Protein backbone atom coordinates (compact mmCIF):
# COMPACT_ATOMS: atom_id res chain seq x y z
CA MET A 1 121.25 -20.19 178.82
CA SER A 2 121.53 -17.06 176.66
CA ALA A 3 120.93 -13.59 178.09
CA PRO A 4 117.44 -12.13 177.58
CA THR A 5 117.12 -9.61 174.78
CA VAL A 6 114.98 -6.60 173.93
CA TYR A 7 112.90 -8.91 171.74
CA ASP A 8 112.22 -11.19 174.74
CA VAL A 9 111.05 -8.19 176.78
CA ALA A 10 108.81 -7.00 173.94
CA GLU A 11 107.30 -10.47 173.57
CA ARG A 12 106.71 -10.88 177.33
CA SER A 13 105.13 -7.43 177.75
CA GLY A 14 103.10 -7.54 174.51
CA VAL A 15 104.48 -4.34 173.00
CA SER A 16 106.75 -3.53 170.07
CA ILE A 17 110.53 -3.54 170.25
CA ALA A 18 110.54 0.21 169.55
CA THR A 19 108.31 0.76 172.61
CA VAL A 20 110.76 -1.15 174.83
CA SER A 21 113.57 0.99 173.42
CA ARG A 22 111.66 4.19 174.23
CA VAL A 23 110.99 3.03 177.80
CA TYR A 24 114.74 2.92 178.42
CA ARG A 25 115.71 5.90 176.29
CA ASN A 26 112.90 8.36 176.96
CA PRO A 27 110.52 6.91 179.56
CA ASP A 28 108.29 9.99 179.73
CA SER A 29 107.27 9.40 176.10
CA VAL A 30 105.56 6.12 177.07
CA ARG A 31 102.29 5.79 179.03
CA ALA A 32 102.87 4.89 182.68
CA GLN A 33 100.87 1.66 182.42
CA THR A 34 102.85 0.51 179.38
CA ARG A 35 106.13 1.58 180.98
CA GLU A 36 105.46 -0.44 184.11
CA LYS A 37 104.45 -3.49 182.06
CA VAL A 38 107.75 -3.33 180.17
CA MET A 39 109.83 -2.82 183.32
CA GLU A 40 108.07 -5.71 185.07
CA ALA A 41 108.81 -8.00 182.12
CA ALA A 42 112.45 -6.86 182.14
CA ARG A 43 112.76 -7.59 185.86
CA GLU A 44 111.23 -11.04 185.46
CA LEU A 45 113.59 -11.89 182.61
CA GLY A 46 116.68 -10.29 184.15
CA TYR A 47 117.11 -8.09 181.08
CA VAL A 48 119.86 -5.44 181.02
CA PRO A 49 119.89 -2.99 178.07
CA SER A 50 122.84 -3.37 175.76
CA GLY A 51 123.69 0.24 176.53
CA SER A 52 125.43 -1.11 179.64
CA ALA A 53 128.32 -1.86 177.32
CA ARG A 54 129.05 1.86 177.24
CA GLY A 55 131.45 1.58 180.13
CA LEU A 56 133.71 -0.94 178.49
CA ALA A 57 137.23 0.39 178.15
CA SER A 58 138.65 -2.31 175.91
CA ARG A 59 139.31 -1.61 172.29
CA THR A 60 136.50 -3.96 171.23
CA THR A 61 133.12 -3.70 172.90
CA GLY A 62 131.35 -6.84 171.74
CA VAL A 63 128.51 -4.57 170.64
CA LEU A 64 127.07 -3.68 167.23
CA GLY A 65 124.89 -0.63 166.72
CA LEU A 66 121.84 0.37 164.72
CA CYS A 67 120.86 3.98 163.95
CA PHE A 68 117.45 4.89 162.61
CA PRO A 69 114.98 7.77 163.05
CA ASP A 70 112.27 6.99 165.61
CA TYR A 71 109.02 7.63 163.78
CA ALA A 72 106.73 6.22 166.46
CA ASP A 73 103.28 5.21 165.22
CA PRO A 74 100.97 4.57 168.21
CA ASP A 75 98.05 4.08 165.82
CA ALA A 76 99.69 0.89 164.56
CA GLU A 77 99.68 -0.70 168.00
CA SER A 78 96.08 0.41 168.53
CA ALA A 79 95.05 -1.14 165.20
CA ALA A 80 96.73 -4.43 166.08
CA ALA A 81 95.17 -4.46 169.54
CA ALA A 82 91.71 -3.81 168.07
CA SER A 83 92.03 -6.63 165.53
CA ASP A 84 90.67 -10.12 166.07
CA ALA A 85 94.04 -11.72 165.40
CA ASP A 86 95.77 -13.41 168.31
CA ASP A 87 99.22 -12.51 167.06
CA ASP A 88 101.88 -10.92 169.27
CA GLN A 89 103.91 -10.02 166.19
CA ALA A 90 101.13 -7.91 164.69
CA VAL A 91 102.54 -4.72 166.20
CA MET A 92 105.97 -5.21 164.65
CA LEU A 93 106.67 -2.40 162.21
CA TYR A 94 109.55 -1.84 159.78
CA SER A 95 112.17 -0.84 162.35
CA ASP A 96 111.11 -3.61 164.74
CA GLN A 97 111.68 -6.22 162.05
CA ILE A 98 115.16 -4.87 161.28
CA ILE A 99 116.00 -4.89 164.99
CA ARG A 100 114.81 -8.47 165.34
CA GLY A 101 116.90 -9.59 162.38
CA MET A 102 120.01 -7.80 163.61
CA GLU A 103 119.60 -9.04 167.15
CA ARG A 104 119.23 -12.67 166.18
CA ALA A 105 122.25 -12.56 163.88
CA ALA A 106 124.30 -10.59 166.45
CA ARG A 107 123.51 -13.16 169.11
CA ARG A 108 124.71 -15.96 166.84
CA HIS A 109 128.06 -14.18 166.51
CA GLY A 110 128.35 -13.35 170.21
CA TYR A 111 127.50 -9.64 169.93
CA ALA A 112 124.99 -7.46 171.76
CA LEU A 113 123.00 -4.77 169.94
CA LEU A 114 122.86 -1.08 170.84
CA ILE A 115 119.89 0.77 169.38
CA ALA A 116 119.95 4.53 168.80
CA ALA A 117 116.54 5.58 167.53
CA SER A 118 115.73 9.16 168.30
CA LEU A 119 115.04 12.40 166.53
CA ASP A 120 115.84 14.38 169.69
CA GLY A 121 119.00 16.39 169.17
CA GLY A 122 119.21 15.55 165.49
CA PRO A 123 121.50 13.13 163.66
CA GLU A 124 124.61 14.33 165.49
CA SER A 125 123.03 12.98 168.69
CA LEU A 126 122.60 9.58 167.08
CA VAL A 127 126.26 9.49 166.07
CA ALA A 128 127.36 10.50 169.55
CA LYS A 129 125.25 7.76 171.12
CA VAL A 130 126.63 4.97 168.98
CA ALA A 131 130.01 5.61 167.34
CA GLY A 132 132.19 5.43 170.45
CA ARG A 133 130.42 2.46 172.00
CA VAL A 134 130.33 -0.18 169.30
CA ASP A 135 132.63 -2.19 167.07
CA GLY A 136 130.55 -1.33 163.98
CA PHE A 137 127.07 -0.18 163.13
CA ALA A 138 124.31 -0.20 160.56
CA VAL A 139 122.50 2.99 159.67
CA LEU A 140 119.33 3.61 157.71
CA ALA A 141 119.75 5.98 154.77
CA ARG A 142 119.51 9.70 155.49
CA THR A 143 119.64 9.12 159.25
CA VAL A 144 123.18 10.49 159.61
CA PRO A 145 124.76 13.14 157.36
CA THR A 146 127.02 11.67 154.68
CA ALA A 147 129.98 13.77 155.82
CA ASP A 148 129.71 12.39 159.35
CA LEU A 149 129.49 8.83 158.08
CA GLU A 150 132.56 9.41 155.95
CA VAL A 151 134.57 10.39 159.04
CA ILE A 152 133.23 7.59 161.23
CA SER A 153 133.79 4.91 158.59
CA ARG A 154 137.53 5.60 158.68
CA ARG A 155 137.71 3.92 162.08
CA LEU A 156 134.54 1.80 162.30
CA PRO A 157 132.79 -0.59 159.91
CA VAL A 158 129.52 0.94 158.71
CA VAL A 159 126.75 -0.71 156.70
CA MET A 160 124.19 1.45 154.91
CA LEU A 161 120.63 0.12 154.87
CA ALA A 162 118.27 1.26 152.08
CA GLY A 163 118.61 4.29 149.88
CA PRO A 164 121.33 5.07 147.32
CA ARG A 165 124.95 4.08 147.89
CA GLU A 166 126.24 7.53 148.84
CA ILE A 167 129.71 6.38 149.97
CA ASP A 168 131.40 3.92 147.61
CA HIS A 169 133.65 2.25 150.17
CA LEU A 170 130.81 1.33 152.54
CA ASP A 171 128.93 -1.95 152.48
CA HIS A 172 125.36 -1.35 151.35
CA ILE A 173 122.07 -3.27 151.38
CA VAL A 174 118.91 -2.28 149.56
CA VAL A 175 115.72 -4.00 148.41
CA ALA A 176 114.26 -3.92 144.90
CA ASN A 177 111.96 -0.96 145.60
CA THR A 178 111.50 0.21 142.01
CA GLU A 179 110.90 -3.25 140.59
CA GLY A 180 108.44 -4.13 143.35
CA GLU A 181 106.28 -1.05 142.91
CA ARG A 182 106.38 -1.42 139.14
CA GLU A 183 105.05 -4.98 139.34
CA LEU A 184 102.36 -3.99 141.83
CA THR A 185 101.19 -1.13 139.61
CA ARG A 186 101.18 -3.39 136.56
CA HIS A 187 98.97 -5.82 138.49
CA LEU A 188 96.39 -3.11 139.13
CA ILE A 189 96.46 -1.97 135.50
CA GLU A 190 96.63 -5.30 133.68
CA ASP A 191 94.73 -7.64 136.01
CA HIS A 192 92.12 -5.27 137.42
CA GLY A 193 91.81 -2.81 134.55
CA LEU A 194 92.36 0.25 136.75
CA ARG A 195 93.44 3.47 135.08
CA ARG A 196 93.02 6.34 137.54
CA LEU A 197 95.87 5.69 139.94
CA ALA A 198 97.07 7.97 142.74
CA PHE A 199 100.47 7.41 144.34
CA VAL A 200 100.97 8.69 147.89
CA GLY A 201 104.65 9.23 148.63
CA ALA A 202 106.74 10.87 151.30
CA GLU A 203 109.03 13.81 151.69
CA GLU A 204 111.83 13.89 149.13
CA GLU A 205 114.31 12.87 151.84
CA SER A 206 112.96 9.30 151.75
CA PRO A 207 115.03 7.43 149.13
CA ASP A 208 112.89 4.29 149.39
CA ALA A 209 109.71 6.24 148.68
CA GLN A 210 111.39 7.94 145.72
CA ALA A 211 112.49 4.59 144.29
CA ARG A 212 108.96 3.22 144.67
CA PHE A 213 107.51 6.24 142.90
CA ARG A 214 109.89 5.62 139.99
CA GLY A 215 108.49 2.10 139.70
CA PHE A 216 104.97 3.52 139.64
CA GLN A 217 105.97 5.96 136.89
CA GLU A 218 107.54 3.19 134.80
CA ALA A 219 104.40 1.03 134.98
CA CYS A 220 102.20 3.97 133.99
CA ARG A 221 104.51 4.76 131.07
CA ASP A 222 104.55 1.14 129.89
CA ALA A 223 100.73 1.06 129.95
CA GLY A 224 100.36 4.31 128.02
CA LEU A 225 98.84 6.11 131.01
CA PRO A 226 99.68 9.69 132.04
CA VAL A 227 102.96 9.74 133.96
CA PRO A 228 102.86 12.14 136.91
CA SER A 229 106.03 14.07 137.71
CA ARG A 230 105.38 13.87 141.44
CA PRO A 231 103.18 11.88 143.84
CA GLU A 232 99.58 13.02 144.19
CA VAL A 233 100.21 13.58 147.89
CA ARG A 234 103.44 13.76 149.89
CA ALA A 235 103.12 12.69 153.52
CA GLY A 236 105.32 14.37 156.10
CA MET A 237 105.84 11.11 158.00
CA MET A 238 104.93 7.66 156.73
CA THR A 239 102.49 6.84 159.55
CA GLN A 240 98.89 5.66 159.74
CA ALA A 241 97.71 9.13 160.68
CA GLU A 242 99.38 10.60 157.59
CA GLY A 243 97.86 7.90 155.40
CA ALA A 244 94.40 8.75 156.68
CA LEU A 245 95.00 12.44 155.97
CA ALA A 246 96.21 11.63 152.45
CA ALA A 247 93.11 9.52 151.70
CA ASP A 248 90.87 12.30 152.99
CA ALA A 249 92.73 14.85 150.88
CA LEU A 250 92.31 12.78 147.71
CA LEU A 251 88.58 12.33 148.34
CA ASP A 252 88.10 16.01 149.20
CA ARG A 253 89.95 17.05 146.05
CA SER A 254 87.63 15.02 143.81
CA GLU A 255 84.50 16.15 145.62
CA GLY A 256 85.54 19.78 145.55
CA THR A 257 86.58 19.96 141.89
CA GLY A 258 84.31 17.42 140.24
CA VAL A 259 87.34 15.49 138.98
CA GLU A 260 86.77 11.74 139.14
CA ARG A 261 88.29 10.24 142.24
CA PRO A 262 91.05 7.64 141.91
CA GLU A 263 90.25 4.02 141.23
CA ALA A 264 93.27 3.03 143.30
CA MET A 265 95.45 4.61 145.98
CA LEU A 266 98.99 3.26 146.09
CA PHE A 267 100.87 4.12 149.28
CA ALA A 268 104.64 4.14 149.70
CA ASN A 269 104.38 1.97 152.81
CA ASP A 270 101.92 -0.24 154.66
CA GLN A 271 101.44 2.01 157.66
CA MET A 272 100.00 4.80 155.51
CA ALA A 273 97.85 2.32 153.60
CA VAL A 274 96.36 0.97 156.85
CA GLY A 275 95.49 4.51 157.90
CA ALA A 276 93.84 5.07 154.52
CA LEU A 277 91.69 1.94 154.94
CA GLN A 278 90.38 3.36 158.21
CA ALA A 279 89.68 6.78 156.68
CA LEU A 280 87.87 5.28 153.68
CA GLU A 281 85.71 3.10 155.92
CA ARG A 282 84.84 6.13 158.04
CA ARG A 283 83.65 7.96 154.93
CA GLY A 284 81.62 5.04 153.61
CA VAL A 285 83.97 4.27 150.70
CA ARG A 286 84.18 0.54 150.01
CA VAL A 287 87.54 -1.16 149.46
CA PRO A 288 88.11 -2.56 146.87
CA GLU A 289 84.68 -2.06 145.26
CA ASP A 290 84.98 1.74 145.13
CA ILE A 291 88.73 2.24 145.52
CA ALA A 292 91.58 -0.26 145.64
CA VAL A 293 94.32 0.35 148.23
CA THR A 294 97.89 -1.00 148.25
CA GLY A 295 100.98 -0.61 150.41
CA PHE A 296 104.64 -1.62 150.50
CA ASP A 297 106.75 -3.47 153.11
CA GLY A 298 104.68 -6.49 154.12
CA ILE A 299 104.57 -5.73 157.85
CA PRO A 300 102.49 -8.24 159.88
CA LEU A 301 99.73 -5.67 160.41
CA SER A 302 99.03 -5.70 156.67
CA ARG A 303 97.56 -9.18 156.81
CA ILE A 304 95.17 -8.66 159.73
CA VAL A 305 93.49 -5.38 158.75
CA ARG A 306 90.14 -5.51 157.00
CA PRO A 307 90.27 -5.95 154.12
CA PRO A 308 93.72 -7.56 154.17
CA LEU A 309 96.19 -5.31 152.39
CA THR A 310 97.72 -5.97 148.99
CA THR A 311 101.37 -5.02 149.32
CA VAL A 312 104.93 -5.59 148.19
CA ARG A 313 106.67 -7.77 150.73
CA GLN A 314 110.29 -6.95 151.35
CA PRO A 315 112.57 -9.16 153.48
CA ILE A 316 112.88 -6.65 156.32
CA ARG A 317 114.24 -9.07 158.88
CA GLN A 318 116.80 -10.30 156.37
CA LEU A 319 118.01 -6.70 155.99
CA GLY A 320 118.99 -6.76 159.65
CA GLU A 321 120.55 -10.19 159.45
CA GLU A 322 122.60 -9.33 156.37
CA ALA A 323 123.77 -6.09 158.00
CA VAL A 324 125.25 -8.06 160.90
CA GLU A 325 126.88 -10.58 158.56
CA LEU A 326 128.56 -7.77 156.61
CA LEU A 327 129.74 -6.06 159.80
CA VAL A 328 131.21 -9.30 161.16
CA GLN A 329 132.95 -9.98 157.85
CA ARG A 330 134.33 -6.45 157.76
CA LEU A 331 135.64 -6.75 161.32
CA ALA A 332 137.39 -10.01 160.40
CA ASP A 333 138.77 -8.64 157.11
CA PRO A 334 138.91 -4.81 157.08
CA GLY A 335 140.61 -4.70 153.68
CA ARG A 336 138.05 -6.66 151.68
CA ALA A 337 136.22 -5.03 148.78
CA PRO A 338 132.93 -3.28 149.67
CA VAL A 339 129.74 -5.24 149.06
CA SER A 340 126.44 -3.96 147.66
CA LEU A 341 123.46 -6.29 148.00
CA GLU A 342 119.98 -5.94 146.51
CA LEU A 343 117.39 -8.19 148.14
CA PRO A 344 114.37 -9.33 146.10
CA VAL A 345 110.76 -8.41 146.89
CA SER A 346 107.44 -10.03 145.98
CA VAL A 347 103.90 -8.78 145.37
CA THR A 348 101.40 -10.16 147.89
CA ARG A 349 97.88 -10.01 146.44
CA ARG A 350 95.06 -9.69 148.93
CA ALA A 351 91.50 -8.40 149.14
CA SER A 352 92.25 -4.64 149.22
CA CYS A 353 92.88 -4.67 145.46
CA GLY A 354 90.16 -7.21 144.62
CA CYS A 355 92.21 -10.39 144.92
CA GLY A 356 91.89 -13.12 147.51
């Protein structure tokens, strides 16, 4: 019988994988009731966090690591809980899906997974938590400074997830962000006849959001529409709360200046788009009759909101699985040539744009 995992604890307690991680890493950041539910599930399953591998003194630890910034989004869990869908996976967000993919693949190869997901102490803290305790690790773009990764990669296999390939000798996995957003924007223009489009992006540090905005620009250019030099709104963090604020800002701008409001709001990820749906409903704006709304990622929550969200589905879980495969291959053959993979995406058409 295989050892219980963080995914098993999340499933038993009915919370996200990121919430389980926070219970063990920073328990005071989680509500007492939720914390106790997670700990009770862990006790019942006999779960021990993979961080217990820290004390291993052997040269190999049998552990792989994952570093990503912990942008918690409690609104997402609230939205899933308030929905009518009986779906335990509804609360799984982007990072949860990557974790699940990595954990399943790691288990197949006999590895445990150590998760370092915290903004506390900055990126140097993430490196300190992971680098000395694992045989190799995956890191989301812009989570750890390039210079630090360069040093670490001299002694440990490192796989970069998302973003540009900043270090040529590292294995790298990305999804077709630009192509996906371009096809989604073309769908709105060509199939729905929409012309006034507003793209809501993120801070410039988000390479995925930048790539998606480039796809939006290309589709506008191809259709002979004005091509904006920057997103209409830049969100500080790509959460539901920020998406709601962005939708409000776009509506306020049109009401305050008399400029026609957008016919469609295209968000750089699903979490922001879900927040926008809630804000638009609160203000009596119908979706898609008055404004179409789209996202990107294809998280489970996108299919259970009302109206269901049109989005670009990326293979998030496969990102995690491929990261483990590349790490295992690198450990077996350190001298092999670096690999750069681009995973395909697909447009999922639902009611929020007028389809379905």
